[in-house]
């Protein structure tokens, strides 16, 4: 999907091998204005000032993947339709 949209990836990180730390997620939340959180079939939109690192965690306690940042928006978790619109 990323190739079809000709998206340029600036940084790629494998969440299993090198998971984000709490401090990195807090820093990321300070750098964006909007956070889109995909959980199953639902996508929730939050202002970054309202989002907490716990909002970005999955049921295992790890941060959801993928996390994609475009400008001042962060998309967390996989939701095909939201990803298409995001790109």
PDB file of N, CA and C in Angstrom:
ATOM      1  N   UNK A   1       0.824  -1.191   0.000  1.00  0.00           N
ATOM      2  CA  UNK A   1       0.000   0.000   0.000  1.00  0.00           C
ATOM      3  C   UNK A   1       0.872   1.260   0.000  1.00  0.00           C
ATOM      4  N   UNK A   2       1.960   1.234   0.763  1.00  0.00           N
ATOM      5  CA  UNK A   2       2.847   2.394   0.810  1.00  0.00           C
ATOM      6  C   UNK A   2       3.531   2.612  -0.531  1.00  0.00           C
ATOM      7  N   UNK A   3       3.905   1.526  -1.195  1.00  0.00           N
ATOM      8  CA  UNK A   3       4.546   1.643  -2.503  1.00  0.00           C
ATOM      9  C   UNK A   3       3.590   2.221  -3.532  1.00  0.00           C
ATOM     10  N   UNK A   4       2.345   1.761  -3.528  1.00  0.00           N
ATOM     11  CA  UNK A   4       1.359   2.246  -4.492  1.00  0.00           C
ATOM     12  C   UNK A   4       1.112   3.743  -4.338  1.00  0.00           C
ATOM     13  N   UNK A   5       1.153   4.229  -3.120  1.00  0.00           N
ATOM     14  CA  UNK A   5       0.899   5.653  -2.888  1.00  0.00           C
ATOM     15  C   UNK A   5       2.169   6.484  -3.042  1.00  0.00           C
ATOM     16  N   UNK A   6       3.278   5.825  -3.364  1.00  0.00           N
ATOM     17  CA  UNK A   6       4.584   6.471  -3.533  1.00  0.00           C
ATOM     18  C   UNK A   6       4.995   7.233  -2.278  1.00  0.00           C
ATOM     19  N   UNK A   7       4.694   6.648  -1.141  1.00  0.00           N
ATOM     20  CA  UNK A   7       5.049   7.238   0.138  1.00  0.00           C
ATOM     21  C   UNK A   7       6.535   7.061   0.392  1.00  0.00           C
ATOM     22  N   UNK A   8       7.185   8.118   0.806  1.00  0.00           N
ATOM     23  CA  UNK A   8       8.601   8.064   1.146  1.00  0.00           C
ATOM     24  C   UNK A   8       8.714   7.826   2.648  1.00  0.00           C
ATOM     25  N   UNK A   9       9.380   6.751   3.017  1.00  0.00           N
ATOM     26  CA  UNK A   9       9.556   6.413   4.427  1.00  0.00           C
ATOM     27  C   UNK A   9      10.859   7.030   4.906  1.00  0.00           C
ATOM     28  N   UNK A  10      10.771   7.898   5.910  1.00  0.00           N
ATOM     29  CA  UNK A  10      11.967   8.547   6.436  1.00  0.00           C
ATOM     30  C   UNK A  10      12.644   7.708   7.503  1.00  0.00           C
ATOM     31  N   UNK A  11      11.863   6.986   8.280  1.00  0.00           N
ATOM     32  CA  UNK A  11      12.429   6.128   9.320  1.00  0.00           C
ATOM     33  C   UNK A  11      11.539   4.909   9.480  1.00  0.00           C
ATOM     34  N   UNK A  12      12.158   3.751   9.517  1.00  0.00           N
ATOM     35  CA  UNK A  12      11.416   2.510   9.730  1.00  0.00           C
ATOM     36  C   UNK A  12      12.028   1.793  10.924  1.00  0.00           C
ATOM     37  N   UNK A  13      11.157   1.284  11.764  1.00  0.00           N
ATOM     38  CA  UNK A  13      11.614   0.628  12.984  1.00  0.00           C
ATOM     39  C   UNK A  13      10.729  -0.585  13.242  1.00  0.00           C
ATOM     40  N   UNK A  14      11.339  -1.714  13.480  1.00  0.00           N
ATOM     41  CA  UNK A  14      10.603  -2.946  13.748  1.00  0.00           C
ATOM     42  C   UNK A  14      10.224  -2.978  15.225  1.00  0.00           C
ATOM     43  N   UNK A  15       8.934  -2.979  15.497  1.00  0.00           N
ATOM     44  CA  UNK A  15       8.471  -2.862  16.881  1.00  0.00           C
ATOM     45  C   UNK A  15       8.854  -4.061  17.745  1.00  0.00           C
ATOM     46  N   UNK A  16       8.989  -5.234  17.159  1.00  0.00           N
ATOM     47  CA  UNK A  16       9.360  -6.410  17.951  1.00  0.00           C
ATOM     48  C   UNK A  16      10.834  -6.374  18.360  1.00  0.00           C
ATOM     49  N   UNK A  17      11.687  -5.909  17.457  1.00  0.00           N
ATOM     50  CA  UNK A  17      13.132  -5.896  17.725  1.00  0.00           C
ATOM     51  C   UNK A  17      13.570  -4.661  18.498  1.00  0.00           C
ATOM     52  N   UNK A  18      12.906  -3.553  18.246  1.00  0.00           N
ATOM     53  CA  UNK A  18      13.306  -2.287  18.856  1.00  0.00           C
ATOM     54  C   UNK A  18      12.063  -1.472  19.223  1.00  0.00           C
ATOM     55  N   UNK A  19      11.345  -1.889  20.258  1.00  0.00           N
ATOM     56  CA  UNK A  19      10.095  -1.196  20.608  1.00  0.00           C
ATOM     57  C   UNK A  19      10.338   0.237  21.084  1.00  0.00           C
ATOM     58  N   UNK A  20       9.347   1.072  20.855  1.00  0.00           N
ATOM     59  CA  UNK A  20       9.415   2.449  21.335  1.00  0.00           C
ATOM     60  C   UNK A  20       9.369   2.472  22.856  1.00  0.00           C
ATOM     61  N   UNK A  21      10.065   3.430  23.421  1.00  0.00           N
ATOM     62  CA  UNK A  21      10.012   3.614  24.869  1.00  0.00           C
ATOM     63  C   UNK A  21       8.887   4.591  25.201  1.00  0.00           C
ATOM     64  N   UNK A  22       8.506   4.618  26.444  1.00  0.00           N
ATOM     65  CA  UNK A  22       7.479   5.559  26.916  1.00  0.00           C
ATOM     66  C   UNK A  22       7.911   6.999  26.621  1.00  0.00           C
ATOM     67  N   UNK A  23       9.181   7.309  26.853  1.00  0.00           N
ATOM     68  CA  UNK A  23       9.697   8.663  26.615  1.00  0.00           C
ATOM     69  C   UNK A  23       9.630   9.022  25.133  1.00  0.00           C
ATOM     70  N   UNK A  24       9.913   8.065  24.254  1.00  0.00           N
ATOM     71  CA  UNK A  24       9.844   8.332  22.813  1.00  0.00           C
ATOM     72  C   UNK A  24       8.408   8.599  22.379  1.00  0.00           C
ATOM     73  N   UNK A  25       7.473   7.864  22.939  1.00  0.00           N
ATOM     74  CA  UNK A  25       6.063   8.066  22.596  1.00  0.00           C
ATOM     75  C   UNK A  25       5.580   9.420  23.119  1.00  0.00           C
ATOM     76  N   UNK A  26       5.973   9.791  24.314  1.00  0.00           N
ATOM     77  CA  UNK A  26       5.598  11.102  24.851  1.00  0.00           C
ATOM     78  C   UNK A  26       6.161  12.217  23.975  1.00  0.00           C
ATOM     79  N   UNK A  27       7.390  12.062  23.523  1.00  0.00           N
ATOM     80  CA  UNK A  27       8.003  13.050  22.636  1.00  0.00           C
ATOM     81  C   UNK A  27       7.240  13.129  21.315  1.00  0.00           C
ATOM     82  N   UNK A  28       6.879  11.981  20.774  1.00  0.00           N
ATOM     83  CA  UNK A  28       6.123  11.938  19.529  1.00  0.00           C
ATOM     84  C   UNK A  28       4.773  12.633  19.682  1.00  0.00           C
ATOM     85  N   UNK A  29       4.104  12.416  20.796  1.00  0.00           N
ATOM     86  CA  UNK A  29       2.814  13.073  21.037  1.00  0.00           C
ATOM     87  C   UNK A  29       2.953  14.591  21.122  1.00  0.00           C
ATOM     88  N   UNK A  30       4.086  15.064  21.617  1.00  0.00           N
ATOM     89  CA  UNK A  30       4.308  16.522  21.686  1.00  0.00           C
ATOM     90  C   UNK A  30       4.564  17.125  20.306  1.00  0.00           C
ATOM     91  N   UNK A  31       5.001  16.305  19.350  1.00  0.00           N
ATOM     92  CA  UNK A  31       5.347  16.796  18.014  1.00  0.00           C
ATOM     93  C   UNK A  31       4.168  16.837  17.051  1.00  0.00           C
ATOM     94  N   UNK A  32       3.033  16.238  17.422  1.00  0.00           N
ATOM     95  CA  UNK A  32       1.874  16.196  16.530  1.00  0.00           C
ATOM     96  C   UNK A  32       0.692  16.943  17.146  1.00  0.00           C
ATOM     97  N   UNK A  33      -0.307  17.228  16.315  1.00  0.00           N
ATOM     98  CA  UNK A  33      -1.525  17.898  16.782  1.00  0.00           C
ATOM     99  C   UNK A  33      -2.698  16.927  16.928  1.00  0.00           C
ATOM    100  N   UNK A  34      -2.725  15.899  16.068  1.00  0.00           N
ATOM    101  CA  UNK A  34      -3.848  14.967  16.042  1.00  0.00           C
ATOM    102  C   UNK A  34      -3.322  13.535  16.077  1.00  0.00           C
ATOM    103  N   UNK A  35      -4.047  12.673  16.785  1.00  0.00           N
ATOM    104  CA  UNK A  35      -3.705  11.256  16.869  1.00  0.00           C
ATOM    105  C   UNK A  35      -4.926  10.445  16.449  1.00  0.00           C
ATOM    106  N   UNK A  36      -4.741   9.578  15.469  1.00  0.00           N
ATOM    107  CA  UNK A  36      -5.792   8.664  15.027  1.00  0.00           C
ATOM    108  C   UNK A  36      -5.422   7.283  15.538  1.00  0.00           C
ATOM    109  N   UNK A  37      -6.290   6.689  16.352  1.00  0.00           N
ATOM    110  CA  UNK A  37      -5.992   5.401  16.973  1.00  0.00           C
ATOM    111  C   UNK A  37      -6.955   4.354  16.426  1.00  0.00           C
ATOM    112  N   UNK A  38      -6.393   3.364  15.728  1.00  0.00           N
ATOM    113  CA  UNK A  38      -7.186   2.285  15.151  1.00  0.00           C
ATOM    114  C   UNK A  38      -7.206   1.100  16.101  1.00  0.00           C
ATOM    115  N   UNK A  39      -8.419   0.694  16.458  1.00  0.00           N
ATOM    116  CA  UNK A  39      -8.613  -0.491  17.301  1.00  0.00           C
ATOM    117  C   UNK A  39      -9.721  -1.307  16.659  1.00  0.00           C
ATOM    118  N   UNK A  40      -9.361  -2.418  16.046  1.00  0.00           N
ATOM    119  CA  UNK A  40     -10.355  -3.229  15.349  1.00  0.00           C
ATOM    120  C   UNK A  40     -10.949  -2.466  14.181  1.00  0.00           C
ATOM    121  N   UNK A  41     -12.270  -2.362  14.150  1.00  0.00           N
ATOM    122  CA  UNK A  41     -12.945  -1.665  13.055  1.00  0.00           C
ATOM    123  C   UNK A  41     -13.156  -0.185  13.342  1.00  0.00           C
ATOM    124  N   UNK A  42     -12.788   0.261  14.517  1.00  0.00           N
ATOM    125  CA  UNK A  42     -13.013   1.655  14.913  1.00  0.00           C
ATOM    126  C   UNK A  42     -11.727   2.470  14.828  1.00  0.00           C
ATOM    127  N   UNK A  43     -11.895   3.738  14.505  1.00  0.00           N
ATOM    128  CA  UNK A  43     -10.778   4.685  14.516  1.00  0.00           C
ATOM    129  C   UNK A  43     -11.208   5.867  15.368  1.00  0.00           C
ATOM    130  N   UNK A  44     -10.434   6.146  16.388  1.00  0.00           N
ATOM    131  CA  UNK A  44     -10.742   7.245  17.311  1.00  0.00           C
ATOM    132  C   UNK A  44      -9.767   8.388  17.051  1.00  0.00           C
ATOM    133  N   UNK A  45     -10.270   9.592  17.003  1.00  0.00           N
ATOM    134  CA  UNK A  45      -9.449  10.774  16.781  1.00  0.00           C
ATOM    135  C   UNK A  45      -9.335  11.563  18.079  1.00  0.00           C
ATOM    136  N   UNK A  46      -8.102  11.887  18.446  1.00  0.00           N
ATOM    137  CA  UNK A  46      -7.849  12.677  19.652  1.00  0.00           C
ATOM    138  C   UNK A  46      -6.903  13.823  19.331  1.00  0.00           C
ATOM    139  N   UNK A  47      -7.063  14.916  20.049  1.00  0.00           N
ATOM    140  CA  UNK A  47      -6.036  15.951  20.011  1.00  0.00           C
ATOM    141  C   UNK A  47      -4.835  15.378  20.743  1.00  0.00           C
ATOM    142  N   UNK A  48      -3.648  15.704  20.294  1.00  0.00           N
ATOM    143  CA  UNK A  48      -2.462  15.129  20.934  1.00  0.00           C
ATOM    144  C   UNK A  48      -2.371  15.519  22.405  1.00  0.00           C
ATOM    145  N   UNK A  49      -2.911  16.679  22.750  1.00  0.00           N
ATOM    146  CA  UNK A  49      -2.883  17.112  24.147  1.00  0.00           C
ATOM    147  C   UNK A  49      -3.780  16.243  25.032  1.00  0.00           C
ATOM    148  N   UNK A  50      -4.744  15.543  24.426  1.00  0.00           N
ATOM    149  CA  UNK A  50      -5.647  14.663  25.169  1.00  0.00           C
ATOM    150  C   UNK A  50      -5.147  13.218  25.203  1.00  0.00           C
ATOM    151  N   UNK A  51      -4.258  12.865  24.275  1.00  0.00           N
ATOM    152  CA  UNK A  51      -3.787  11.483  24.157  1.00  0.00           C
ATOM    153  C   UNK A  51      -2.684  11.197  25.168  1.00  0.00           C
ATOM    154  N   UNK A  52      -2.701   9.991  25.684  1.00  0.00           N
ATOM    155  CA  UNK A  52      -1.650   9.539  26.594  1.00  0.00           C
ATOM    156  C   UNK A  52      -0.964   8.328  25.969  1.00  0.00           C
ATOM    157  N   UNK A  53       0.235   8.003  26.405  1.00  0.00           N
ATOM    158  CA  UNK A  53       0.883   6.794  25.884  1.00  0.00           C
ATOM    159  C   UNK A  53       0.018   5.544  26.051  1.00  0.00           C
ATOM    160  N   UNK A  54      -0.753   5.467  27.120  1.00  0.00           N
ATOM    161  CA  UNK A  54      -1.617   4.297  27.321  1.00  0.00           C
ATOM    162  C   UNK A  54      -2.684   4.168  26.234  1.00  0.00           C
ATOM    163  N   UNK A  55      -3.109   5.293  25.643  1.00  0.00           N
ATOM    164  CA  UNK A  55      -4.074   5.243  24.545  1.00  0.00           C
ATOM    165  C   UNK A  55      -3.494   4.531  23.327  1.00  0.00           C
ATOM    166  N   UNK A  56      -2.183   4.519  23.214  1.00  0.00           N
ATOM    167  CA  UNK A  56      -1.503   3.951  22.056  1.00  0.00           C
ATOM    168  C   UNK A  56      -1.093   2.497  22.270  1.00  0.00           C
ATOM    169  N   UNK A  57      -1.446   1.938  23.399  1.00  0.00           N
ATOM    170  CA  UNK A  57      -1.080   0.549  23.707  1.00  0.00           C
ATOM    171  C   UNK A  57      -2.162  -0.420  23.230  1.00  0.00           C
ATOM    172  N   UNK A  58      -1.695  -1.601  22.856  1.00  0.00           N
ATOM    173  CA  UNK A  58      -2.602  -2.676  22.477  1.00  0.00           C
ATOM    174  C   UNK A  58      -2.948  -3.522  23.689  1.00  0.00           C
ATOM    175  N   UNK A  59      -3.671  -4.621  23.479  1.00  0.00           N
ATOM    176  CA  UNK A  59      -4.095  -5.469  24.593  1.00  0.00           C
ATOM    177  C   UNK A  59      -2.937  -6.160  25.323  1.00  0.00           C
ATOM    178  N   UNK A  60      -1.789  -6.289  24.668  1.00  0.00           N
ATOM    179  CA  UNK A  60      -0.635  -6.930  25.315  1.00  0.00           C
ATOM    180  C   UNK A  60       0.161  -5.964  26.177  1.00  0.00           C
ATOM    181  N   UNK A  61      -0.165  -4.667  26.065  1.00  0.00           N
ATOM    182  CA  UNK A  61       0.584  -3.661  26.814  1.00  0.00           C
ATOM    183  C   UNK A  61       1.671  -2.998  25.996  1.00  0.00           C
ATOM    184  N   UNK A  62       1.959  -3.561  24.822  1.00  0.00           N
ATOM    185  CA  UNK A  62       2.940  -2.947  23.923  1.00  0.00           C
ATOM    186  C   UNK A  62       2.252  -1.856  23.108  1.00  0.00           C
ATOM    187  N   UNK A  63       3.060  -0.952  22.550  1.00  0.00           N
ATOM    188  CA  UNK A  63       2.489   0.084  21.697  1.00  0.00           C
ATOM    189  C   UNK A  63       1.998  -0.542  20.396  1.00  0.00           C
ATOM    190  N   UNK A  64       0.857  -0.062  19.924  1.00  0.00           N
ATOM    191  CA  UNK A  64       0.275  -0.565  18.681  1.00  0.00           C
ATOM    192  C   UNK A  64       1.198  -0.259  17.508  1.00  0.00           C
ATOM    193  N   UNK A  65       1.137  -1.131  16.524  1.00  0.00           N
ATOM    194  CA  UNK A  65       1.894  -0.941  15.293  1.00  0.00           C
ATOM    195  C   UNK A  65       0.930  -1.156  14.135  1.00  0.00           C
ATOM    196  N   UNK A  66       1.163  -0.504  13.043  1.00  0.00           N
ATOM    197  CA  UNK A  66       2.225   0.466  12.813  1.00  0.00           C
ATOM    198  C   UNK A  66       1.864   1.831  13.390  1.00  0.00           C
ATOM    199  N   UNK A  67       2.880   2.668  13.504  1.00  0.00           N
ATOM    200  CA  UNK A  67       2.692   4.088  13.815  1.00  0.00           C
ATOM    201  C   UNK A  67       3.241   4.847  12.623  1.00  0.00           C
ATOM    202  N   UNK A  68       2.387   5.664  12.032  1.00  0.00           N
ATOM    203  CA  UNK A  68       2.803   6.460  10.886  1.00  0.00           C
ATOM    204  C   UNK A  68       2.543   7.923  11.184  1.00  0.00           C
ATOM    205  N   UNK A  69       3.525   8.733  10.897  1.00  0.00           N
ATOM    206  CA  UNK A  69       3.379  10.172  11.105  1.00  0.00           C
ATOM    207  C   UNK A  69       3.442  10.867   9.757  1.00  0.00           C
ATOM    208  N   UNK A  70       2.470  11.736   9.531  1.00  0.00           N
ATOM    209  CA  UNK A  70       2.440  12.552   8.325  1.00  0.00           C
ATOM    210  C   UNK A  70       2.142  13.969   8.771  1.00  0.00           C
ATOM    211  N   UNK A  71       3.122  14.837   8.629  1.00  0.00           N
ATOM    212  CA  UNK A  71       2.948  16.202   9.100  1.00  0.00           C
ATOM    213  C   UNK A  71       2.702  16.217  10.592  1.00  0.00           C
ATOM    214  N   UNK A  72       1.581  16.780  11.000  1.00  0.00           N
ATOM    215  CA  UNK A  72       1.242  16.904  12.419  1.00  0.00           C
ATOM    216  C   UNK A  72       0.193  15.873  12.859  1.00  0.00           C
ATOM    217  N   UNK A  73       0.047  14.795  12.062  1.00  0.00           N
ATOM    218  CA  UNK A  73      -0.919  13.749  12.388  1.00  0.00           C
ATOM    219  C   UNK A  73      -0.205  12.419  12.572  1.00  0.00           C
ATOM    220  N   UNK A  74      -0.616  11.673  13.594  1.00  0.00           N
ATOM    221  CA  UNK A  74      -0.057  10.362  13.890  1.00  0.00           C
ATOM    222  C   UNK A  74      -1.171   9.326  13.780  1.00  0.00           C
ATOM    223  N   UNK A  75      -0.952   8.302  12.955  1.00  0.00           N
ATOM    224  CA  UNK A  75      -1.888   7.186  12.835  1.00  0.00           C
ATOM    225  C   UNK A  75      -1.280   5.999  13.564  1.00  0.00           C
ATOM    226  N   UNK A  76      -2.031   5.452  14.509  1.00  0.00           N
ATOM    227  CA  UNK A  76      -1.544   4.355  15.343  1.00  0.00           C
ATOM    228  C   UNK A  76      -2.439   3.140  15.148  1.00  0.00           C
ATOM    229  N   UNK A  77      -1.840   1.997  14.809  1.00  0.00           N
ATOM    230  CA  UNK A  77      -2.599   0.775  14.588  1.00  0.00           C
ATOM    231  C   UNK A  77      -3.014   0.652  13.133  1.00  0.00           C
ATOM    232  N   UNK A  78      -3.432  -0.552  12.753  1.00  0.00           N
ATOM    233  CA  UNK A  78      -3.794  -0.798  11.356  1.00  0.00           C
ATOM    234  C   UNK A  78      -5.301  -0.768  11.163  1.00  0.00           C
ATOM    235  N   UNK A  79      -5.710   0.055  10.208  1.00  0.00           N
ATOM    236  CA  UNK A  79      -7.101   0.132   9.751  1.00  0.00           C
ATOM    237  C   UNK A  79      -7.003   0.511   8.284  1.00  0.00           C
ATOM    238  N   UNK A  80      -7.322  -0.431   7.404  1.00  0.00           N
ATOM    239  CA  UNK A  80      -7.062  -0.248   5.977  1.00  0.00           C
ATOM    240  C   UNK A  80      -7.654   1.042   5.412  1.00  0.00           C
ATOM    241  N   UNK A  81      -8.899   1.321   5.709  1.00  0.00           N
ATOM    242  CA  UNK A  81      -9.544   2.521   5.157  1.00  0.00           C
ATOM    243  C   UNK A  81      -8.907   3.802   5.701  1.00  0.00           C
ATOM    244  N   UNK A  82      -8.623   3.824   6.988  1.00  0.00           N
ATOM    245  CA  UNK A  82      -7.977   5.001   7.582  1.00  0.00           C
ATOM    246  C   UNK A  82      -6.592   5.203   6.985  1.00  0.00           C
ATOM    247  N   UNK A  83      -5.889   4.113   6.733  1.00  0.00           N
ATOM    248  CA  UNK A  83      -4.553   4.205   6.146  1.00  0.00           C
ATOM    249  C   UNK A  83      -4.616   4.760   4.730  1.00  0.00           C
ATOM    250  N   UNK A  84      -5.591   4.316   3.946  1.00  0.00           N
ATOM    251  CA  UNK A  84      -5.756   4.838   2.583  1.00  0.00           C
ATOM    252  C   UNK A  84      -6.001   6.341   2.614  1.00  0.00           C
ATOM    253  N   UNK A  85      -6.865   6.791   3.507  1.00  0.00           N
ATOM    254  CA  UNK A  85      -7.160   8.221   3.609  1.00  0.00           C
ATOM    255  C   UNK A  85      -5.952   8.993   4.123  1.00  0.00           C
ATOM    256  N   UNK A  86      -5.224   8.395   5.029  1.00  0.00           N
ATOM    257  CA  UNK A  86      -4.062   9.030   5.640  1.00  0.00           C
ATOM    258  C   UNK A  86      -2.967   9.285   4.612  1.00  0.00           C
ATOM    259  N   UNK A  87      -2.769   8.306   3.720  1.00  0.00           N
ATOM    260  CA  UNK A  87      -1.712   8.429   2.717  1.00  0.00           C
ATOM    261  C   UNK A  87      -2.137   9.358   1.618  1.00  0.00           C
TER     262      UNK A  87
END
